[in-house]
PDB file of N, CA and C in Angstrom:
ATOM      1  N   MET A   1     -13.185  35.920  -7.865  1.00  0.00           N
ATOM      2  CA  MET A   1     -12.363  35.028  -7.078  1.00  0.00           C
ATOM      3  C   MET A   1     -11.197  35.812  -6.495  1.00  0.00           C
ATOM      4  N   GLN A   2     -10.966  35.635  -5.224  1.00  0.00           N
ATOM      5  CA  GLN A   2      -9.923  36.387  -4.548  1.00  0.00           C
ATOM      6  C   GLN A   2      -8.568  35.711  -4.731  1.00  0.00           C
ATOM      7  N   ALA A   3      -7.537  36.517  -4.713  1.00  0.00           N
ATOM      8  CA  ALA A   3      -6.177  35.980  -4.785  1.00  0.00           C
ATOM      9  C   ALA A   3      -5.820  35.347  -3.443  1.00  0.00           C
ATOM     10  N   LYS A   4      -4.978  34.347  -3.508  1.00  0.00           N
ATOM     11  CA  LYS A   4      -4.561  33.668  -2.282  1.00  0.00           C
ATOM     12  C   LYS A   4      -3.572  34.535  -1.524  1.00  0.00           C
ATOM     13  N   THR A   5      -3.689  34.486  -0.226  1.00  0.00           N
ATOM     14  CA  THR A   5      -2.727  35.193   0.594  1.00  0.00           C
ATOM     15  C   THR A   5      -1.479  34.332   0.746  1.00  0.00           C
ATOM     16  N   GLN A   6      -0.439  34.949   1.244  1.00  0.00           N
ATOM     17  CA  GLN A   6       0.817  34.224   1.440  1.00  0.00           C
ATOM     18  C   GLN A   6       0.629  33.116   2.482  1.00  0.00           C
ATOM     19  N   LYS A   7      -0.186  33.374   3.497  1.00  0.00           N
ATOM     20  CA  LYS A   7      -0.437  32.369   4.533  1.00  0.00           C
ATOM     21  C   LYS A   7      -1.158  31.157   3.947  1.00  0.00           C
ATOM     22  N   GLU A   8      -2.134  31.392   3.076  1.00  0.00           N
ATOM     23  CA  GLU A   8      -2.858  30.286   2.460  1.00  0.00           C
ATOM     24  C   GLU A   8      -1.940  29.438   1.581  1.00  0.00           C
ATOM     25  N   SER A   9      -1.060  30.085   0.835  1.00  0.00           N
ATOM     26  CA  SER A   9      -0.130  29.348  -0.019  1.00  0.00           C
ATOM     27  C   SER A   9       0.824  28.503   0.818  1.00  0.00           C
ATOM     28  N   LYS A  10       1.301  29.066   1.918  1.00  0.00           N
ATOM     29  CA  LYS A  10       2.209  28.324   2.805  1.00  0.00           C
ATOM     30  C   LYS A  10       1.491  27.134   3.425  1.00  0.00           C
ATOM     31  N   MET A  11       0.258  27.332   3.856  1.00  0.00           N
ATOM     32  CA  MET A  11      -0.490  26.242   4.477  1.00  0.00           C
ATOM     33  C   MET A  11      -0.815  25.139   3.472  1.00  0.00           C
ATOM     34  N   GLU A  12      -1.019  25.502   2.215  1.00  0.00           N
ATOM     35  CA  GLU A  12      -1.244  24.475   1.195  1.00  0.00           C
ATOM     36  C   GLU A  12      -0.022  23.582   1.058  1.00  0.00           C
ATOM     37  N   LEU A  13       1.165  24.175   1.090  1.00  0.00           N
ATOM     38  CA  LEU A  13       2.385  23.381   1.022  1.00  0.00           C
ATOM     39  C   LEU A  13       2.547  22.492   2.251  1.00  0.00           C
ATOM     40  N   VAL A  14       2.168  23.011   3.408  1.00  0.00           N
ATOM     41  CA  VAL A  14       2.244  22.215   4.637  1.00  0.00           C
ATOM     42  C   VAL A  14       1.295  21.022   4.549  1.00  0.00           C
ATOM     43  N   VAL A  15       0.087  21.241   4.060  1.00  0.00           N
ATOM     44  CA  VAL A  15      -0.890  20.153   3.937  1.00  0.00           C
ATOM     45  C   VAL A  15      -0.415  19.115   2.916  1.00  0.00           C
ATOM     46  N   ILE A  16       0.222  19.560   1.844  1.00  0.00           N
ATOM     47  CA  ILE A  16       0.781  18.615   0.874  1.00  0.00           C
ATOM     48  C   ILE A  16       1.889  17.779   1.521  1.00  0.00           C
ATOM     49  N   GLY A  17       2.722  18.404   2.320  1.00  0.00           N
ATOM     50  CA  GLY A  17       3.759  17.672   3.054  1.00  0.00           C
ATOM     51  C   GLY A  17       3.164  16.650   4.002  1.00  0.00           C
ATOM     52  N   ILE A  18       2.093  17.034   4.686  1.00  0.00           N
ATOM     53  CA  ILE A  18       1.422  16.111   5.602  1.00  0.00           C
ATOM     54  C   ILE A  18       0.812  14.947   4.820  1.00  0.00           C
ATOM     55  N   ALA A  19       0.266  15.235   3.638  1.00  0.00           N
ATOM     56  CA  ALA A  19      -0.299  14.170   2.803  1.00  0.00           C
ATOM     57  C   ALA A  19       0.782  13.186   2.366  1.00  0.00           C
ATOM     58  N   LEU A  20       1.971  13.686   2.056  1.00  0.00           N
ATOM     59  CA  LEU A  20       3.067  12.799   1.692  1.00  0.00           C
ATOM     60  C   LEU A  20       3.487  11.917   2.868  1.00  0.00           C
ATOM     61  N   ILE A  21       3.493  12.485   4.064  1.00  0.00           N
ATOM     62  CA  ILE A  21       3.802  11.691   5.256  1.00  0.00           C
ATOM     63  C   ILE A  21       2.756  10.607   5.443  1.00  0.00           C
ATOM     64  N   ALA A  22       1.488  10.959   5.248  1.00  0.00           N
ATOM     65  CA  ALA A  22       0.411   9.968   5.378  1.00  0.00           C
ATOM     66  C   ALA A  22       0.575   8.858   4.342  1.00  0.00           C
ATOM     67  N   PHE A  23       0.985   9.223   3.126  1.00  0.00           N
ATOM     68  CA  PHE A  23       1.210   8.215   2.089  1.00  0.00           C
ATOM     69  C   PHE A  23       2.319   7.252   2.499  1.00  0.00           C
ATOM     70  N   VAL A  24       3.410   7.790   3.022  1.00  0.00           N
ATOM     71  CA  VAL A  24       4.533   6.938   3.437  1.00  0.00           C
ATOM     72  C   VAL A  24       4.122   6.033   4.590  1.00  0.00           C
ATOM     73  N   VAL A  25       3.389   6.576   5.559  1.00  0.00           N
ATOM     74  CA  VAL A  25       2.927   5.754   6.685  1.00  0.00           C
ATOM     75  C   VAL A  25       2.012   4.636   6.185  1.00  0.00           C
ATOM     76  N   GLY A  26       1.110   4.964   5.274  1.00  0.00           N
ATOM     77  CA  GLY A  26       0.226   3.943   4.703  1.00  0.00           C
ATOM     78  C   GLY A  26       0.984   2.895   3.919  1.00  0.00           C
ATOM     79  N   LEU A  27       1.988   3.321   3.163  1.00  0.00           N
ATOM     80  CA  LEU A  27       2.786   2.382   2.384  1.00  0.00           C
ATOM     81  C   LEU A  27       3.574   1.446   3.281  1.00  0.00           C
ATOM     82  N   VAL A  28       4.196   1.980   4.312  1.00  0.00           N
ATOM     83  CA  VAL A  28       4.944   1.147   5.258  1.00  0.00           C
ATOM     84  C   VAL A  28       4.001   0.185   5.966  1.00  0.00           C
ATOM     85  N   GLY A  29       2.833   0.666   6.369  1.00  0.00           N
ATOM     86  CA  GLY A  29       1.849  -0.207   7.013  1.00  0.00           C
ATOM     87  C   GLY A  29       1.377  -1.302   6.085  1.00  0.00           C
ATOM     88  N   HIS A  30       1.185  -0.960   4.820  1.00  0.00           N
ATOM     89  CA  HIS A  30       0.742  -1.956   3.839  1.00  0.00           C
ATOM     90  C   HIS A  30       1.814  -3.025   3.632  1.00  0.00           C
ATOM     91  N   LEU A  31       3.047  -2.586   3.467  1.00  0.00           N
ATOM     92  CA  LEU A  31       4.131  -3.550   3.276  1.00  0.00           C
ATOM     93  C   LEU A  31       4.345  -4.401   4.519  1.00  0.00           C
ATOM     94  N   ALA A  32       4.216  -3.787   5.678  1.00  0.00           N
ATOM     95  CA  ALA A  32       4.363  -4.549   6.912  1.00  0.00           C
ATOM     96  C   ALA A  32       3.220  -5.542   7.077  1.00  0.00           C
ATOM     97  N   GLY A  33       2.029  -5.127   6.688  1.00  0.00           N
ATOM     98  CA  GLY A  33       0.889  -6.047   6.755  1.00  0.00           C
ATOM     99  C   GLY A  33       1.041  -7.204   5.798  1.00  0.00           C
ATOM    100  N   ALA A  34       1.616  -6.933   4.617  1.00  0.00           N
ATOM    101  CA  ALA A  34       1.831  -7.993   3.638  1.00  0.00           C
ATOM    102  C   ALA A  34       2.892  -8.976   4.120  1.00  0.00           C
ATOM    103  N   SER A  35       3.837  -8.486   4.901  1.00  0.00           N
ATOM    104  CA  SER A  35       4.906  -9.345   5.404  1.00  0.00           C
ATOM    105  C   SER A  35       4.574  -9.953   6.768  1.00  0.00           C
ATOM    106  N   PHE A  36       3.396  -9.664   7.277  1.00  0.00           N
ATOM    107  CA  PHE A  36       3.025 -10.109   8.624  1.00  0.00           C
ATOM    108  C   PHE A  36       3.092 -11.621   8.764  1.00  0.00           C
ATOM    109  N   ALA A  37       2.772 -12.346   7.702  1.00  0.00           N
ATOM    110  CA  ALA A  37       2.769 -13.801   7.773  1.00  0.00           C
ATOM    111  C   ALA A  37       4.177 -14.355   7.951  1.00  0.00           C
ATOM    112  N   ASN A  38       5.174 -13.601   7.526  1.00  0.00           N
ATOM    113  CA  ASN A  38       6.544 -14.101   7.598  1.00  0.00           C
ATOM    114  C   ASN A  38       7.264 -13.734   8.890  1.00  0.00           C
ATOM    115  N   PHE A  39       7.027 -12.510   9.370  1.00  0.00           N
ATOM    116  CA  PHE A  39       7.736 -12.047  10.559  1.00  0.00           C
ATOM    117  C   PHE A  39       6.762 -11.360  11.510  1.00  0.00           C
ATOM    118  N   ASP A  40       6.825 -11.706  12.772  1.00  0.00           N
ATOM    119  CA  ASP A  40       5.935 -11.086  13.756  1.00  0.00           C
ATOM    120  C   ASP A  40       6.292  -9.620  14.021  1.00  0.00           C
ATOM    121  N   THR A  41       7.536  -9.266  13.822  1.00  0.00           N
ATOM    122  CA  THR A  41       7.967  -7.901  14.103  1.00  0.00           C
ATOM    123  C   THR A  41       7.219  -6.886  13.247  1.00  0.00           C
ATOM    124  N   PHE A  42       6.926  -7.231  12.001  1.00  0.00           N
ATOM    125  CA  PHE A  42       6.227  -6.303  11.121  1.00  0.00           C
ATOM    126  C   PHE A  42       4.801  -6.042  11.589  1.00  0.00           C
ATOM    127  N   GLY A  43       4.241  -6.951  12.327  1.00  0.00           N
ATOM    128  CA  GLY A  43       2.907  -6.742  12.868  1.00  0.00           C
ATOM    129  C   GLY A  43       2.856  -5.579  13.836  1.00  0.00           C
ATOM    130  N   TYR A  44       3.943  -5.367  14.559  1.00  0.00           N
ATOM    131  CA  TYR A  44       4.009  -4.238  15.479  1.00  0.00           C
ATOM    132  C   TYR A  44       4.047  -2.910  14.724  1.00  0.00           C
ATOM    133  N   ILE A  45       4.544  -2.934  13.503  1.00  0.00           N
ATOM    134  CA  ILE A  45       4.551  -1.735  12.669  1.00  0.00           C
ATOM    135  C   ILE A  45       3.181  -1.527  12.029  1.00  0.00           C
ATOM    136  N   ALA A  46       2.560  -2.614  11.570  1.00  0.00           N
ATOM    137  CA  ALA A  46       1.299  -2.505  10.830  1.00  0.00           C
ATOM    138  C   ALA A  46       0.116  -2.196  11.737  1.00  0.00           C
ATOM    139  N   ALA A  47       0.142  -2.649  12.972  1.00  0.00           N
ATOM    140  CA  ALA A  47      -1.016  -2.504  13.853  1.00  0.00           C
ATOM    141  C   ALA A  47      -1.428  -1.049  14.098  1.00  0.00           C
ATOM    142  N   PRO A  48      -0.512  -0.137  14.393  1.00  0.00           N
ATOM    143  CA  PRO A  48      -0.947   1.242  14.675  1.00  0.00           C
ATOM    144  C   PRO A  48      -1.150   2.120  13.441  1.00  0.00           C
ATOM    145  N   THR A  49      -1.035   1.566  12.259  1.00  0.00           N
ATOM    146  CA  THR A  49      -1.134   2.377  11.038  1.00  0.00           C
ATOM    147  C   THR A  49      -2.452   3.139  10.931  1.00  0.00           C
ATOM    148  N   PRO A  50      -3.621   2.514  11.164  1.00  0.00           N
ATOM    149  CA  PRO A  50      -4.866   3.297  11.079  1.00  0.00           C
ATOM    150  C   PRO A  50      -4.927   4.448  12.081  1.00  0.00           C
ATOM    151  N   LEU A  51      -4.412   4.226  13.290  1.00  0.00           N
ATOM    152  CA  LEU A  51      -4.391   5.291  14.288  1.00  0.00           C
ATOM    153  C   LEU A  51      -3.481   6.426  13.838  1.00  0.00           C
ATOM    154  N   LEU A  52      -2.306   6.094  13.322  1.00  0.00           N
ATOM    155  CA  LEU A  52      -1.390   7.129  12.843  1.00  0.00           C
ATOM    156  C   LEU A  52      -1.993   7.920  11.688  1.00  0.00           C
ATOM    157  N   LEU A  53      -2.666   7.235  10.771  1.00  0.00           N
ATOM    158  CA  LEU A  53      -3.300   7.937   9.653  1.00  0.00           C
ATOM    159  C   LEU A  53      -4.424   8.855  10.135  1.00  0.00           C
ATOM    160  N   ALA A  54      -5.173   8.433  11.141  1.00  0.00           N
ATOM    161  CA  ALA A  54      -6.233   9.281  11.691  1.00  0.00           C
ATOM    162  C   ALA A  54      -5.646  10.534  12.342  1.00  0.00           C
ATOM    163  N   ILE A  55      -4.555  10.369  13.071  1.00  0.00           N
ATOM    164  CA  ILE A  55      -3.909  11.518  13.712  1.00  0.00           C
ATOM    165  C   ILE A  55      -3.359  12.480  12.659  1.00  0.00           C
ATOM    166  N   ILE A  56      -2.735  11.927  11.619  1.00  0.00           N
ATOM    167  CA  ILE A  56      -2.191  12.767  10.544  1.00  0.00           C
ATOM    168  C   ILE A  56      -3.313  13.513   9.830  1.00  0.00           C
ATOM    169  N   ALA A  57      -4.427  12.841   9.580  1.00  0.00           N
ATOM    170  CA  ALA A  57      -5.563  13.500   8.922  1.00  0.00           C
ATOM    171  C   ALA A  57      -6.130  14.615   9.795  1.00  0.00           C
ATOM    172  N   PHE A  58      -6.197  14.395  11.100  1.00  0.00           N
ATOM    173  CA  PHE A  58      -6.693  15.416  12.017  1.00  0.00           C
ATOM    174  C   PHE A  58      -5.783  16.638  12.014  1.00  0.00           C
ATOM    175  N   VAL A  59      -4.475  16.405  12.040  1.00  0.00           N
ATOM    176  CA  VAL A  59      -3.523  17.517  12.012  1.00  0.00           C
ATOM    177  C   VAL A  59      -3.645  18.283  10.700  1.00  0.00           C
ATOM    178  N   ALA A  60      -3.783  17.570   9.591  1.00  0.00           N
ATOM    179  CA  ALA A  60      -3.943  18.240   8.295  1.00  0.00           C
ATOM    180  C   ALA A  60      -5.211  19.077   8.262  1.00  0.00           C
ATOM    181  N   TYR A  61      -6.283  18.569   8.833  1.00  0.00           N
ATOM    182  CA  TYR A  61      -7.542  19.322   8.891  1.00  0.00           C
ATOM    183  C   TYR A  61      -7.365  20.602   9.709  1.00  0.00           C
ATOM    184  N   LYS A  62      -6.709  20.496  10.850  1.00  0.00           N
ATOM    185  CA  LYS A  62      -6.499  21.674  11.698  1.00  0.00           C
ATOM    186  C   LYS A  62      -5.604  22.704  11.012  1.00  0.00           C
ATOM    187  N   VAL A  63      -4.572  22.239  10.309  1.00  0.00           N
ATOM    188  CA  VAL A  63      -3.688  23.159   9.601  1.00  0.00           C
ATOM    189  C   VAL A  63      -4.447  23.862   8.485  1.00  0.00           C
ATOM    190  N   ALA A  64      -5.235  23.112   7.731  1.00  0.00           N
ATOM    191  CA  ALA A  64      -6.002  23.713   6.647  1.00  0.00           C
ATOM    192  C   ALA A  64      -7.046  24.695   7.191  1.00  0.00           C
ATOM    193  N   ALA A  65      -7.655  24.357   8.313  1.00  0.00           N
ATOM    194  CA  ALA A  65      -8.659  25.251   8.908  1.00  0.00           C
ATOM    195  C   ALA A  65      -8.032  26.537   9.422  1.00  0.00           C
ATOM    196  N   SER A  66      -6.785  26.451   9.902  1.00  0.00           N
ATOM    197  CA  SER A  66      -6.151  27.651  10.431  1.00  0.00           C
ATOM    198  C   SER A  66      -5.793  28.633   9.311  1.00  0.00           C
ATOM    199  N   ALA A  67      -5.665  28.149   8.081  1.00  0.00           N
ATOM    200  CA  ALA A  67      -5.322  29.034   6.970  1.00  0.00           C
ATOM    201  C   ALA A  67      -6.522  29.867   6.500  1.00  0.00           C
ATOM    202  N   GLU A  68      -7.713  29.491   6.913  1.00  0.00           N
ATOM    203  CA  GLU A  68      -8.909  30.194   6.467  1.00  0.00           C
ATOM    204  C   GLU A  68      -9.300  31.363   7.349  1.00  0.00           C
ATOM    205  N   ASP A  69      -8.454  31.725   8.288  1.00  0.00           N
ATOM    206  CA  ASP A  69      -8.756  32.842   9.193  1.00  0.00           C
ATOM    207  C   ASP A  69      -8.883  34.140   8.453  1.00  0.00           C
TER     208      ASP A  69
END
């Protein structure tokens, strides 16, 4: 098994940061969706959540792929 390069270690931290952002976006979307029945404004927050999560996942994939050069 080969040792990790400095670039791979840095990219792992970046991907972990992106995962935390995705978690926060999902949590906010979930809470906004739960509150949708009470306030219409939260619906505007909850509606784009799946799109935002897809974009974040795509960026994380590209970052992880770039570390394998």
